[in-house]
N, C-alpha and C. Protein backbone atom coordinates (compact mmCIF):
# COMPACT_ATOMS: atom_id res chain seq x y z
N MET A 1 -3.73 8.50 0.98
CA MET A 1 -4.17 7.72 1.69
C MET A 1 -4.23 6.50 1.45
N TYR A 2 -3.97 5.92 2.52
CA TYR A 2 -3.42 4.35 1.82
C TYR A 2 -4.58 3.04 1.31
N LYS A 3 -4.30 2.64 0.64
CA LYS A 3 -5.25 2.03 -0.29
C LYS A 3 -5.45 0.42 -0.02
N ILE A 4 -6.55 -0.16 -0.18
CA ILE A 4 -6.85 -1.16 0.74
C ILE A 4 -7.85 -2.05 -0.37
N LEU A 5 -7.29 -3.40 -0.68
CA LEU A 5 -8.16 -4.19 -1.71
C LEU A 5 -8.50 -5.19 -0.76
N VAL A 6 -9.91 -5.30 -1.16
CA VAL A 6 -11.23 -6.17 -0.03
C VAL A 6 -11.60 -7.30 -1.07
N LEU A 7 -11.23 -8.64 -0.91
CA LEU A 7 -11.94 -9.70 -1.64
C LEU A 7 -12.81 -10.39 -0.71
N GLU A 8 -14.06 -10.27 -0.97
CA GLU A 8 -15.49 -10.59 0.19
C GLU A 8 -16.71 -10.57 -0.89
N ASP A 9 -16.93 -11.58 -0.92
CA ASP A 9 -18.31 -12.28 -1.88
C ASP A 9 -19.91 -11.83 -0.90
N ASP A 10 -19.38 -12.03 0.39
CA ASP A 10 -20.77 -11.06 1.20
C ASP A 10 -20.76 -9.61 1.05
N GLU A 11 -21.92 -9.14 0.25
CA GLU A 11 -22.21 -7.93 -0.06
C GLU A 11 -22.66 -7.17 1.04
N LEU A 12 -23.01 -7.76 2.15
CA LEU A 12 -23.45 -6.89 3.03
C LEU A 12 -22.14 -6.43 4.20
N PHE A 13 -21.39 -7.64 4.58
CA PHE A 13 -20.20 -7.84 5.15
C PHE A 13 -19.20 -6.65 4.64
N ALA A 14 -19.28 -6.63 3.15
CA ALA A 14 -18.18 -6.21 2.56
C ALA A 14 -18.34 -4.49 2.11
N SER A 15 -19.89 -4.07 2.36
CA SER A 15 -20.04 -3.03 2.34
C SER A 15 -19.80 -2.45 4.05
N THR A 16 -20.14 -3.10 5.14
CA THR A 16 -19.68 -2.79 6.52
C THR A 16 -17.92 -2.60 6.30
N VAL A 17 -17.37 -3.38 6.23
CA VAL A 17 -16.08 -2.85 6.24
C VAL A 17 -15.57 -1.92 5.28
N GLU A 18 -16.05 -1.59 4.23
CA GLU A 18 -15.74 -0.81 3.12
C GLU A 18 -16.13 0.90 3.95
N ASP A 19 -17.34 0.97 4.10
CA ASP A 19 -17.77 2.08 4.91
C ASP A 19 -17.10 2.36 6.46
N PHE A 20 -16.64 1.47 7.17
CA PHE A 20 -15.73 1.51 8.48
C PHE A 20 -14.59 2.00 8.03
N LEU A 21 -13.76 1.42 7.15
CA LEU A 21 -12.37 1.92 6.56
C LEU A 21 -12.24 3.45 5.76
N SER A 22 -13.22 3.12 5.14
CA SER A 22 -13.16 4.51 4.36
C SER A 22 -13.40 5.78 5.52
N ASP A 23 -14.28 5.71 6.29
CA ASP A 23 -14.22 6.43 7.68
C ASP A 23 -13.35 6.76 8.17
N GLU A 24 -12.20 5.74 8.34
CA GLU A 24 -10.97 6.26 9.05
C GLU A 24 -9.95 6.30 8.05
N GLY A 25 -10.27 6.83 6.96
CA GLY A 25 -9.25 7.37 5.98
C GLY A 25 -8.49 6.62 5.01
N PHE A 26 -8.98 5.35 4.88
CA PHE A 26 -8.59 4.37 3.80
C PHE A 26 -9.51 4.42 2.50
N GLU A 27 -8.80 4.45 1.26
CA GLU A 27 -9.07 4.14 0.11
C GLU A 27 -9.59 2.78 -0.24
N VAL A 28 -10.78 2.30 -0.20
CA VAL A 28 -11.09 0.96 -0.34
C VAL A 28 -11.68 0.26 -1.42
N ASP A 29 -11.37 -0.69 -2.07
CA ASP A 29 -11.84 -1.20 -3.34
C ASP A 29 -12.40 -2.37 -3.14
N ILE A 30 -13.45 -2.92 -3.32
CA ILE A 30 -14.28 -3.93 -3.06
C ILE A 30 -14.34 -5.41 -4.73
N ALA A 31 -13.58 -6.64 -4.18
CA ALA A 31 -13.73 -7.53 -5.40
C ALA A 31 -14.52 -8.74 -4.75
N SER A 32 -15.92 -8.73 -5.57
CA SER A 32 -16.55 -10.16 -5.09
C SER A 32 -15.95 -11.45 -5.23
N ASP A 33 -15.12 -11.58 -6.50
CA ASP A 33 -14.75 -13.09 -6.27
C ASP A 33 -13.26 -13.00 -7.02
N GLY A 34 -12.23 -13.89 -6.77
CA GLY A 34 -10.98 -13.69 -7.33
C GLY A 34 -10.34 -13.21 -8.51
N GLU A 35 -11.25 -13.62 -9.54
CA GLU A 35 -10.66 -13.00 -10.66
C GLU A 35 -10.80 -11.33 -10.81
N GLU A 36 -11.67 -10.94 -10.31
CA GLU A 36 -12.03 -9.49 -10.05
C GLU A 36 -11.18 -8.72 -9.03
N CYS A 37 -10.47 -9.94 -8.27
CA CYS A 37 -9.21 -9.11 -7.51
C CYS A 37 -8.34 -8.89 -8.15
N LEU A 38 -8.13 -10.20 -8.91
CA LEU A 38 -6.81 -9.58 -10.05
C LEU A 38 -6.69 -8.69 -10.77
N GLU A 39 -8.04 -8.50 -11.37
CA GLU A 39 -8.21 -7.72 -12.01
C GLU A 39 -7.88 -5.79 -11.88
N LEU A 40 -8.15 -5.73 -10.23
CA LEU A 40 -8.39 -4.16 -10.16
C LEU A 40 -6.71 -4.76 -9.17
N ASN A 41 -6.33 -5.86 -8.67
CA ASN A 41 -4.84 -5.30 -9.01
C ASN A 41 -4.00 -5.15 -10.05
N PHE A 42 -4.57 -5.06 -11.53
CA PHE A 42 -3.48 -5.10 -12.37
C PHE A 42 -3.44 -3.75 -12.79
N LYS A 43 -4.93 -3.61 -12.25
CA LYS A 43 -5.17 -1.76 -12.75
C LYS A 43 -4.34 -0.77 -11.48
N LYS A 44 -4.37 -0.70 -10.86
CA LYS A 44 -3.76 -0.16 -9.01
C LYS A 44 -3.01 -0.80 -8.50
N ASN A 45 -2.35 -0.18 -7.34
CA ASN A 45 -0.96 -0.95 -6.33
C ASN A 45 -1.85 -0.62 -4.92
N TYR A 46 -1.54 -1.26 -4.32
CA TYR A 46 -2.50 -1.29 -2.91
C TYR A 46 -1.56 -1.42 -1.91
N ASP A 47 -1.29 -1.03 -0.75
CA ASP A 47 -0.84 -1.14 0.19
C ASP A 47 -1.14 -1.89 1.11
N LEU A 48 -2.37 -2.60 1.26
CA LEU A 48 -2.96 -3.80 1.86
C LEU A 48 -3.45 -5.07 1.43
N TYR A 49 -3.87 -6.20 1.68
CA TYR A 49 -5.11 -7.06 0.98
C TYR A 49 -5.93 -7.62 2.04
N LEU A 50 -7.49 -7.72 2.30
CA LEU A 50 -8.13 -8.44 2.90
C LEU A 50 -8.75 -9.01 2.33
N LEU A 51 -8.15 -10.36 2.46
CA LEU A 51 -8.98 -11.50 1.85
C LEU A 51 -9.53 -12.66 2.51
N ASP A 52 -10.80 -12.88 1.76
CA ASP A 52 -11.54 -13.84 2.12
C ASP A 52 -11.03 -15.02 1.71
N ILE A 53 -11.34 -16.24 2.12
CA ILE A 53 -10.90 -17.84 1.60
C ILE A 53 -12.10 -18.48 0.40
N ASN A 54 -13.32 -18.43 1.10
CA ASN A 54 -13.91 -19.20 0.26
C ASN A 54 -14.92 -18.16 -0.65
N VAL A 55 -14.70 -17.92 -1.92
CA VAL A 55 -14.80 -17.06 -2.75
C VAL A 55 -15.09 -17.66 -4.27
N PRO A 56 -16.02 -17.23 -4.89
CA PRO A 56 -16.09 -17.88 -6.44
C PRO A 56 -14.62 -17.65 -7.10
N LYS A 57 -14.66 -18.76 -8.10
CA LYS A 57 -13.85 -18.66 -9.53
C LYS A 57 -12.24 -18.97 -8.96
N ILE A 58 -11.94 -18.03 -7.85
CA ILE A 58 -9.90 -18.74 -7.32
C ILE A 58 -10.45 -18.06 -5.75
N ASN A 59 -10.51 -18.91 -5.44
CA ASN A 59 -10.35 -18.41 -3.98
C ASN A 59 -9.21 -17.71 -3.11
N GLY A 60 -9.39 -17.24 -2.14
CA GLY A 60 -8.47 -16.44 -1.43
C GLY A 60 -7.19 -17.29 -1.23
N LEU A 61 -6.84 -18.01 -0.93
CA LEU A 61 -5.53 -19.21 -0.60
C LEU A 61 -4.72 -19.19 -1.98
N ASP A 62 -5.59 -19.44 -3.07
CA ASP A 62 -4.83 -19.81 -4.45
C ASP A 62 -4.46 -18.28 -5.04
N LEU A 63 -5.46 -17.54 -4.55
CA LEU A 63 -5.00 -16.02 -5.38
C LEU A 63 -3.89 -15.45 -4.43
N LEU A 64 -3.55 -15.47 -3.02
CA LEU A 64 -2.08 -15.48 -2.61
C LEU A 64 -1.11 -15.67 -2.84
N VAL A 65 -1.45 -17.31 -3.36
CA VAL A 65 -0.17 -17.77 -4.50
C VAL A 65 0.08 -17.15 -5.43
N GLN A 66 -0.88 -16.87 -6.22
CA GLN A 66 -0.59 -16.28 -7.65
C GLN A 66 0.16 -14.77 -7.33
N LEU A 67 0.02 -13.87 -6.46
CA LEU A 67 0.58 -12.92 -6.04
C LEU A 67 1.90 -12.99 -5.93
N ARG A 68 1.67 -13.87 -4.82
CA ARG A 68 3.28 -13.95 -4.12
C ARG A 68 4.04 -14.62 -5.28
N ASN A 69 3.70 -15.51 -6.22
CA ASN A 69 4.63 -15.87 -6.94
C ASN A 69 4.96 -14.91 -8.45
N SER A 70 4.14 -14.29 -8.36
CA SER A 70 4.19 -12.80 -9.28
C SER A 70 5.03 -11.83 -8.58
N GLY A 71 5.76 -11.64 -7.30
CA GLY A 71 6.32 -10.92 -6.96
C GLY A 71 6.17 -9.91 -6.13
N ASP A 72 4.32 -10.39 -5.78
CA ASP A 72 3.95 -9.15 -4.80
C ASP A 72 3.92 -9.22 -3.53
N ASN A 73 4.58 -8.90 -2.81
CA ASN A 73 4.69 -9.13 -1.51
C ASN A 73 3.52 -8.11 -0.65
N THR A 74 2.76 -7.33 -1.20
CA THR A 74 1.83 -6.49 -0.61
C THR A 74 1.46 -7.15 1.22
N PRO A 75 1.49 -6.76 1.98
CA PRO A 75 0.85 -7.35 3.04
C PRO A 75 -0.65 -7.67 3.34
N SER A 76 -0.89 -8.80 3.58
CA SER A 76 -2.44 -9.33 3.20
C SER A 76 -3.12 -10.08 5.12
N ILE A 77 -4.16 -9.87 5.12
CA ILE A 77 -4.55 -10.10 6.07
C ILE A 77 -6.04 -11.30 5.57
N PHE A 78 -6.48 -12.38 6.10
CA PHE A 78 -7.22 -13.39 5.88
C PHE A 78 -8.69 -12.60 6.88
N LEU A 79 -9.60 -12.49 6.49
CA LEU A 79 -10.94 -12.73 7.08
C LEU A 79 -11.58 -13.70 6.55
N THR A 80 -11.70 -14.70 7.79
CA THR A 80 -12.21 -16.16 7.42
C THR A 80 -12.99 -16.79 8.65
N SER A 81 -14.00 -17.48 7.70
CA SER A 81 -14.78 -18.18 9.06
C SER A 81 -14.17 -19.96 9.37
N TYR A 82 -13.05 -19.90 8.82
CA TYR A 82 -12.23 -21.20 8.78
C TYR A 82 -11.71 -21.23 10.17
N LYS A 83 -12.06 -22.18 10.65
CA LYS A 83 -11.21 -22.51 12.32
C LYS A 83 -10.16 -23.29 12.11
N ASP A 84 -10.31 -24.21 11.21
CA ASP A 84 -9.65 -25.47 11.43
C ASP A 84 -8.00 -25.26 11.42
N LYS A 85 -6.77 -25.56 12.00
CA LYS A 85 -5.35 -25.49 11.89
C LYS A 85 -4.73 -25.50 10.25
N ASP A 86 -5.35 -26.63 10.11
CA ASP A 86 -4.93 -26.97 8.80
C ASP A 86 -4.99 -25.75 7.52
N THR A 87 -5.94 -25.01 7.58
CA THR A 87 -6.10 -24.05 6.45
C THR A 87 -6.01 -22.72 7.54
N LEU A 88 -5.77 -22.86 8.39
CA LEU A 88 -4.72 -21.46 8.73
C LEU A 88 -3.54 -21.36 8.22
N GLN A 89 -3.16 -22.95 8.82
CA GLN A 89 -1.68 -23.22 8.49
C GLN A 89 -0.82 -23.02 7.08
N GLN A 90 -1.82 -22.96 6.24
CA GLN A 90 -2.08 -23.03 4.80
C GLN A 90 -1.93 -21.47 4.23
N ALA A 91 -3.16 -20.83 4.85
CA ALA A 91 -3.07 -19.64 4.98
C ALA A 91 -1.85 -18.64 4.87
N PHE A 92 -0.76 -19.31 6.06
CA PHE A 92 0.22 -18.63 6.23
C PHE A 92 1.34 -19.31 5.51
N LEU A 93 1.37 -20.60 4.97
CA LEU A 93 2.20 -21.04 4.33
C LEU A 93 2.31 -20.10 2.44
N ASN A 94 1.33 -19.98 2.17
CA ASN A 94 0.81 -19.34 1.02
C ASN A 94 0.94 -17.68 1.22
N GLY A 95 1.42 -16.91 2.15
CA GLY A 95 2.15 -15.82 2.39
C GLY A 95 1.40 -14.72 3.17
N CYS A 96 0.58 -15.06 3.66
CA CYS A 96 -0.22 -14.16 4.28
C CYS A 96 0.28 -13.65 5.77
N ASP A 97 -0.11 -12.38 6.15
CA ASP A 97 0.89 -12.06 7.16
C ASP A 97 -0.37 -11.94 8.49
N ASP A 98 -1.35 -12.19 8.24
CA ASP A 98 -2.29 -12.07 9.41
C ASP A 98 -3.88 -12.28 9.17
N TYR A 99 -4.29 -13.20 10.56
CA TYR A 99 -5.91 -13.62 10.11
C TYR A 99 -6.49 -13.20 11.03
N LEU A 100 -7.99 -12.53 11.18
CA LEU A 100 -9.00 -12.53 11.84
C LEU A 100 -10.13 -13.30 11.28
N LYS A 101 -10.53 -14.20 12.72
CA LYS A 101 -11.89 -14.94 12.20
C LYS A 101 -13.06 -14.45 12.16
N LYS A 102 -14.08 -14.67 11.24
CA LYS A 102 -15.51 -13.91 11.51
C LYS A 102 -16.23 -14.61 12.31
N PRO A 103 -17.10 -13.95 13.34
CA PRO A 103 -17.41 -12.65 12.56
C PRO A 103 -16.33 -11.63 13.22
N ALA A 104 -15.72 -10.59 12.48
CA ALA A 104 -14.48 -10.11 12.85
C ALA A 104 -15.16 -8.62 13.77
N ASP A 105 -14.36 -8.53 14.81
CA ASP A 105 -14.88 -7.23 15.43
C ASP A 105 -13.80 -5.98 14.39
N LEU A 106 -14.48 -4.68 14.21
CA LEU A 106 -13.75 -4.01 13.62
C LEU A 106 -13.03 -3.15 13.42
N ASP A 107 -12.94 -3.11 14.94
CA ASP A 107 -12.14 -2.00 15.92
C ASP A 107 -10.73 -2.66 16.04
N GLU A 108 -10.96 -4.30 16.09
CA GLU A 108 -9.83 -5.18 16.21
C GLU A 108 -9.28 -5.09 14.71
N LEU A 109 -9.79 -5.30 13.73
CA LEU A 109 -9.76 -5.22 12.44
C LEU A 109 -8.24 -3.90 12.32
N LEU A 110 -9.37 -2.74 12.25
CA LEU A 110 -8.16 -1.82 12.46
C LEU A 110 -7.21 -1.38 12.98
N LEU A 111 -7.14 -2.29 14.38
CA LEU A 111 -5.75 -2.44 15.11
C LEU A 111 -4.59 -3.26 13.99
N ARG A 112 -5.16 -3.97 13.50
CA ARG A 112 -4.29 -5.42 12.97
C ARG A 112 -3.74 -4.55 12.06
N ILE A 113 -4.61 -3.86 11.08
CA ILE A 113 -3.86 -3.19 9.59
C ILE A 113 -3.16 -2.29 9.96
N LYS A 114 -3.38 -1.24 11.09
CA LYS A 114 -2.39 -0.23 11.35
C LYS A 114 -1.23 -0.67 11.92
N ALA A 115 -1.30 -2.03 12.66
CA ALA A 115 0.32 -2.24 13.19
C ALA A 115 0.76 -2.98 11.91
N LEU A 116 0.00 -3.70 10.97
CA LEU A 116 0.75 -4.48 9.95
C LEU A 116 1.54 -3.33 9.13
N LEU A 117 0.61 -2.54 8.85
CA LEU A 117 1.19 -1.31 7.81
C LEU A 117 2.20 -0.78 8.69
N LYS A 118 2.78 -0.69 9.46
CA LYS A 118 3.39 0.06 10.47
C LYS A 118 4.75 -0.63 10.31
N ARG A 119 4.58 -2.14 10.82
CA ARG A 119 5.42 -3.23 10.14
C ARG A 119 6.25 -3.24 8.79
N ASN A 120 5.56 -2.40 8.40
CA ASN A 120 6.05 -2.24 6.50
C ASN A 120 6.22 -1.04 6.21
N LYS A 121 6.84 -0.26 7.43
CA LYS A 121 7.16 1.14 7.23
C LYS A 121 6.18 2.34 6.64
N LYS A 122 4.86 1.84 6.63
CA LYS A 122 3.82 2.98 6.61
C LYS A 122 3.46 3.72 8.27
N GLN A 123 3.75 5.25 7.27
CA GLN A 123 3.66 6.23 8.65
C GLN A 123 2.00 6.28 8.93
N PHE A 124 1.37 7.25 10.27
CA PHE A 124 0.49 7.90 10.13
C PHE A 124 0.72 9.50 10.56
N ASP A 125 1.35 9.54 11.45
CA ASP A 125 1.85 10.39 11.80
C ASP A 125 2.42 11.70 11.27
N VAL A 126 1.53 12.91 11.29
CA VAL A 126 2.68 13.84 10.46
C VAL A 126 3.88 13.76 10.11
N ILE A 127 4.61 13.83 9.13
CA ILE A 127 6.47 13.98 9.29
C ILE A 127 7.03 14.99 9.21
N ARG A 128 7.61 15.50 9.89
CA ARG A 128 8.08 17.06 9.33
C ARG A 128 9.50 16.98 8.67
N LEU A 129 9.07 17.81 7.60
CA LEU A 129 10.23 17.31 6.36
C LEU A 129 11.59 18.55 6.68
N SER A 130 11.19 19.82 7.08
CA SER A 130 11.87 20.89 7.50
C SER A 130 11.07 21.71 8.35
N ASP A 131 11.80 22.84 8.58
CA ASP A 131 11.13 24.23 9.43
C ASP A 131 9.69 24.50 8.70
N SER A 132 9.48 24.46 7.45
CA SER A 132 8.00 24.99 7.35
C SER A 132 7.52 24.01 6.43
N LEU A 133 8.29 22.70 6.48
CA LEU A 133 7.58 21.72 4.95
C LEU A 133 6.76 20.70 6.03
N ILE A 134 5.56 20.19 6.02
CA ILE A 134 5.21 18.50 6.76
C ILE A 134 5.00 18.02 5.65
N PHE A 135 4.92 16.36 5.67
CA PHE A 135 4.08 15.46 4.88
C PHE A 135 3.19 14.83 5.75
N ASN A 136 1.80 14.82 5.22
CA ASN A 136 0.75 13.92 5.90
C ASN A 136 0.66 12.38 5.27
N PRO A 137 1.18 11.55 5.75
CA PRO A 137 0.79 10.25 5.14
C PRO A 137 -0.28 9.77 5.03
N THR A 138 -1.11 9.98 5.89
CA THR A 138 -2.91 9.46 5.79
C THR A 138 -3.35 10.50 4.70
N SER A 139 -2.95 11.73 4.24
CA SER A 139 -3.90 12.16 3.29
C SER A 139 -3.13 11.93 2.05
N LYS A 140 -1.46 11.58 2.53
CA LYS A 140 -0.55 11.99 1.30
C LYS A 140 -0.80 13.20 0.96
N ARG A 141 -0.62 14.37 1.34
CA ARG A 141 -0.41 15.68 1.08
C ARG A 141 0.89 16.54 1.90
N VAL A 142 1.29 17.26 1.24
CA VAL A 142 2.58 18.19 1.58
C VAL A 142 1.81 19.36 1.86
N TYR A 143 2.40 20.10 2.81
CA TYR A 143 1.96 21.69 3.27
C TYR A 143 3.32 22.56 3.77
N GLU A 144 3.28 23.53 3.12
CA GLU A 144 4.44 24.44 3.63
C GLU A 144 3.86 25.68 3.90
N ASN A 145 3.97 25.93 5.26
CA ASN A 145 3.43 26.79 6.25
C ASN A 145 2.23 26.52 6.17
N GLU A 146 1.55 25.21 6.53
CA GLU A 146 0.22 25.00 6.61
C GLU A 146 -0.70 25.40 5.33
N VAL A 147 0.31 25.56 4.11
CA VAL A 147 -0.51 25.72 2.73
C VAL A 147 -0.06 24.37 1.96
N ASP A 148 -1.45 23.71 1.57
CA ASP A 148 -0.78 22.72 0.47
C ASP A 148 -0.62 23.02 -0.61
N LEU A 149 0.50 22.04 -1.12
CA LEU A 149 1.21 22.51 -2.23
C LEU A 149 0.52 21.83 -3.23
N ASN A 150 -0.37 20.97 -3.48
CA ASN A 150 -1.14 20.40 -4.44
C ASN A 150 -0.01 20.06 -5.18
N LEU A 151 0.68 18.78 -4.96
CA LEU A 151 1.80 18.26 -5.70
C LEU A 151 1.08 16.94 -6.40
N PRO A 152 1.44 16.65 -7.57
CA PRO A 152 0.70 15.60 -8.59
C PRO A 152 0.83 13.88 -7.46
N VAL A 153 -0.37 13.49 -7.79
CA VAL A 153 -0.25 12.10 -6.98
C VAL A 153 1.05 11.49 -7.00
N LYS A 154 1.72 11.15 -8.48
CA LYS A 154 2.93 10.37 -8.15
C LYS A 154 4.08 10.80 -7.85
N VAL A 155 3.98 12.56 -7.85
CA VAL A 155 4.96 13.16 -7.14
C VAL A 155 5.15 12.52 -5.37
N LEU A 156 3.77 12.82 -4.91
CA LEU A 156 3.51 12.11 -3.40
C LEU A 156 3.63 10.83 -2.95
N GLU A 157 3.27 9.63 -3.94
CA GLU A 157 3.92 8.61 -3.87
C GLU A 157 5.62 8.47 -3.77
N LEU A 158 5.93 9.11 -4.58
CA LEU A 158 7.65 8.30 -4.65
C LEU A 158 8.10 9.31 -3.67
N LEU A 159 7.56 10.47 -2.96
CA LEU A 159 8.00 10.97 -2.01
C LEU A 159 7.96 10.38 -0.63
N GLU A 160 6.58 9.77 -0.63
CA GLU A 160 6.45 8.56 0.15
C GLU A 160 7.37 7.38 0.19
N LEU A 161 7.85 7.10 -1.03
CA LEU A 161 8.47 6.08 -0.97
C LEU A 161 9.69 6.09 -0.32
N PHE A 162 10.54 7.67 -0.67
CA PHE A 162 11.60 7.75 -0.01
C PHE A 162 11.34 8.09 1.74
N ILE A 163 10.24 8.47 1.78
CA ILE A 163 10.27 8.69 3.21
C ILE A 163 10.27 7.23 3.87
N GLU A 164 9.62 6.30 3.64
CA GLU A 164 9.86 4.74 4.29
C GLU A 164 10.97 4.40 4.10
N ASN A 165 11.84 4.96 3.01
CA ASN A 165 13.32 4.17 2.69
C ASN A 165 14.47 5.21 3.09
N ARG A 166 14.39 6.13 4.01
CA ARG A 166 15.21 7.33 4.59
C ARG A 166 16.49 6.25 4.92
N GLY A 167 17.86 6.96 4.22
CA GLY A 167 18.70 6.47 4.69
C GLY A 167 19.24 5.59 3.80
N GLU A 168 18.04 4.61 2.94
CA GLU A 168 18.39 3.63 2.26
C GLU A 168 18.40 4.14 0.57
N ILE A 169 18.89 2.93 -0.19
CA ILE A 169 18.71 3.16 -1.73
C ILE A 169 17.50 2.89 -1.92
N VAL A 170 16.94 4.11 -2.65
CA VAL A 170 16.07 3.32 -3.42
C VAL A 170 15.98 3.33 -4.80
N THR A 171 16.06 1.96 -5.54
CA THR A 171 16.30 1.71 -6.65
C THR A 171 15.27 1.77 -7.82
N LYS A 172 15.60 2.01 -8.68
CA LYS A 172 14.70 2.21 -10.16
C LYS A 172 13.49 1.38 -9.99
N GLU A 173 13.72 0.09 -9.75
CA GLU A 173 12.91 -1.03 -9.79
C GLU A 173 11.89 -0.58 -8.70
N MET A 174 12.24 -0.20 -7.52
CA MET A 174 11.41 0.25 -6.41
C MET A 174 10.28 1.38 -6.67
N ILE A 175 10.88 2.21 -7.70
CA ILE A 175 10.01 3.27 -7.68
C ILE A 175 9.30 3.06 -9.15
N ILE A 176 9.64 2.11 -10.21
CA ILE A 176 8.49 1.41 -10.89
C ILE A 176 7.52 0.87 -10.00
N ALA A 177 7.67 0.17 -9.34
CA ALA A 177 6.84 -0.54 -8.66
C ALA A 177 5.80 0.20 -7.92
N LYS A 178 5.94 1.31 -7.35
CA LYS A 178 5.45 2.21 -6.36
C LYS A 178 4.74 2.71 -7.32
N LEU A 179 4.84 3.34 -8.27
CA LEU A 179 4.13 4.77 -9.23
C LEU A 179 3.14 3.88 -10.49
N TRP A 180 3.79 2.76 -10.66
CA TRP A 180 3.06 1.94 -11.93
C TRP A 180 2.34 0.77 -11.79
N ALA A 181 0.96 0.64 -12.07
CA ALA A 181 0.85 -0.66 -11.84
C ALA A 181 0.88 -1.41 -12.89
N THR A 182 0.84 -2.79 -12.72
CA THR A 182 1.23 -3.90 -14.09
C THR A 182 0.58 -3.54 -15.17
N SER A 183 -0.29 -2.85 -15.24
CA SER A 183 -0.92 -2.44 -16.77
C SER A 183 -0.56 -1.57 -17.31
N GLN A 184 0.61 -0.65 -16.20
CA GLN A 184 1.16 0.35 -16.88
C GLN A 184 2.15 0.65 -17.36
N GLU A 185 2.42 1.12 -18.42
CA GLU A 185 3.67 1.60 -18.97
C GLU A 185 4.59 2.52 -18.45
N TYR A 186 5.75 2.56 -17.42
CA TYR A 186 6.44 3.68 -17.20
C TYR A 186 7.47 4.01 -17.67
N SER A 187 7.69 5.13 -17.45
CA SER A 187 8.61 6.46 -18.26
C SER A 187 9.89 6.61 -17.54
N GLU A 188 11.10 6.37 -17.95
CA GLU A 188 12.38 6.98 -17.39
C GLU A 188 12.44 8.27 -17.40
N GLY A 189 11.97 9.73 -18.38
CA GLY A 189 11.48 10.61 -18.22
C GLY A 189 10.72 10.86 -17.27
N SER A 190 9.67 10.13 -16.51
CA SER A 190 8.94 11.09 -16.00
C SER A 190 9.43 10.63 -14.41
N ILE A 191 10.10 9.15 -14.50
CA ILE A 191 10.70 9.60 -13.10
C ILE A 191 11.93 10.61 -12.80
N ARG A 192 12.53 11.10 -13.69
CA ARG A 192 13.34 12.23 -13.50
C ARG A 192 12.42 13.35 -13.47
N VAL A 193 11.33 13.69 -13.88
CA VAL A 193 10.91 15.15 -13.49
C VAL A 193 10.23 14.94 -11.88
N TYR A 194 9.83 13.83 -11.70
CA TYR A 194 9.50 13.58 -10.69
C TYR A 194 9.98 13.99 -9.45
N ILE A 195 11.57 13.14 -9.26
CA ILE A 195 12.78 13.26 -8.74
C ILE A 195 13.22 15.04 -8.80
N ASN A 196 13.01 15.65 -9.65
CA ASN A 196 13.32 16.95 -10.23
C ASN A 196 12.64 17.65 -8.56
N GLN A 197 11.16 17.44 -9.18
CA GLN A 197 10.21 18.19 -8.25
C GLN A 197 10.03 17.99 -6.86
N ILE A 198 10.65 16.51 -6.70
CA ILE A 198 11.23 16.42 -5.02
C ILE A 198 12.25 17.06 -4.42
N LYS A 199 13.09 17.09 -5.22
CA LYS A 199 14.72 18.01 -5.15
C LYS A 199 14.24 19.20 -4.75
N LYS A 200 13.29 20.09 -5.65
CA LYS A 200 13.08 21.48 -5.07
C LYS A 200 12.63 21.80 -4.09
N LEU A 201 12.24 20.64 -3.27
CA LEU A 201 11.16 21.00 -2.13
C LEU A 201 12.25 20.89 -0.95
N PHE A 202 13.69 20.48 -1.03
CA PHE A 202 14.53 20.45 0.00
C PHE A 202 16.10 21.07 -0.51
N ASP A 203 17.24 20.91 0.71
CA ASP A 203 18.49 21.61 0.47
C ASP A 203 18.87 20.92 -0.88
N LYS A 204 20.01 21.47 -1.71
CA LYS A 204 20.48 20.73 -2.43
C LYS A 204 20.82 19.21 -2.61
N ASP A 205 21.36 18.76 -1.38
CA ASP A 205 22.10 17.60 -1.06
C ASP A 205 21.30 16.52 -0.44
N THR A 206 19.95 16.94 -0.05
CA THR A 206 19.03 16.49 0.45
C THR A 206 18.61 14.49 -0.13
N ILE A 207 18.98 15.01 -1.43
CA ILE A 207 18.56 13.62 -2.41
C ILE A 207 19.75 13.10 -3.09
N LEU A 208 20.19 12.36 -2.78
CA LEU A 208 21.68 12.01 -3.57
C LEU A 208 21.38 10.74 -5.02
N ASN A 209 22.06 11.03 -5.86
CA ASN A 209 21.77 9.92 -6.88
C ASN A 209 22.93 9.03 -6.90
N ILE A 210 22.55 7.72 -6.70
CA ILE A 210 23.97 6.87 -6.68
C ILE A 210 23.94 6.36 -7.92
N LYS A 211 24.76 6.91 -8.51
CA LYS A 211 24.94 6.43 -10.15
C LYS A 211 24.45 4.82 -10.38
N GLY A 212 23.88 4.36 -11.28
CA GLY A 212 23.81 2.58 -11.98
C GLY A 212 22.46 2.51 -10.75
N VAL A 213 22.70 3.04 -9.62
CA VAL A 213 21.68 1.97 -8.43
C VAL A 213 20.21 2.61 -8.26
N GLY A 214 20.36 3.99 -8.27
CA GLY A 214 19.01 4.72 -7.58
C GLY A 214 19.70 6.19 -6.85
N TYR A 215 18.67 6.32 -5.87
CA TYR A 215 18.63 7.38 -4.77
C TYR A 215 18.84 6.94 -3.66
N LYS A 216 18.78 8.21 -2.77
CA LYS A 216 18.83 8.02 -1.23
C LYS A 216 18.46 9.43 -0.75
N ILE A 217 17.45 9.32 0.21
CA ILE A 217 17.07 10.68 0.43
C ILE A 217 17.70 10.84 2.09
N GLU A 218 18.17 11.96 2.38
CA GLU A 218 18.99 11.86 3.74
C GLU A 218 18.17 13.51 4.72
N PHE A 219 17.56 13.48 5.68
CA PHE A 219 17.16 14.51 5.89
C PHE A 219 16.97 14.34 7.59
């Protein structure tokens, strides 16, 4: 399931958003201030950020600048009560992708989240990998003849990365950014193990090793 980090200091609204998105199949973490948001981001990779602007310690605008300056291009939506054009313009200059004014309609929020994720190669429909093999991008599970293969989480995340970049080269740097949070040490050996586990799912030449660059999946 896709992971969303919500920065919101209104406990009732945060809880409402969390419950709604969880029911829609998303994994949701809540941060009540900017520092907590950075701490969560340090420990886990997210697929999307929902950010309030007026929050304690580090406001949403400054937080997004820090994230973008660190090379984090995770899609971001501001949920804000600000209506002045200067603030909204600054939000886009700081790197946001969309915004929704409070009080937010949750159905509209869901539509915007899905649209933004799709623009960033995220998928919601089941993907057929072969005659007997399917990948469910929402639950992040692989099924063979309708039987869950119970693949390890990192193998599934790597497979998702390959699917999102079908026909394109996936570099080692892309794999590291996808599988390991900032606080985690990556392992070259682990990457090879995960690649080999994915190769076993496909025909011999489905995943190509582009020497010194990365890998490419073609199916």
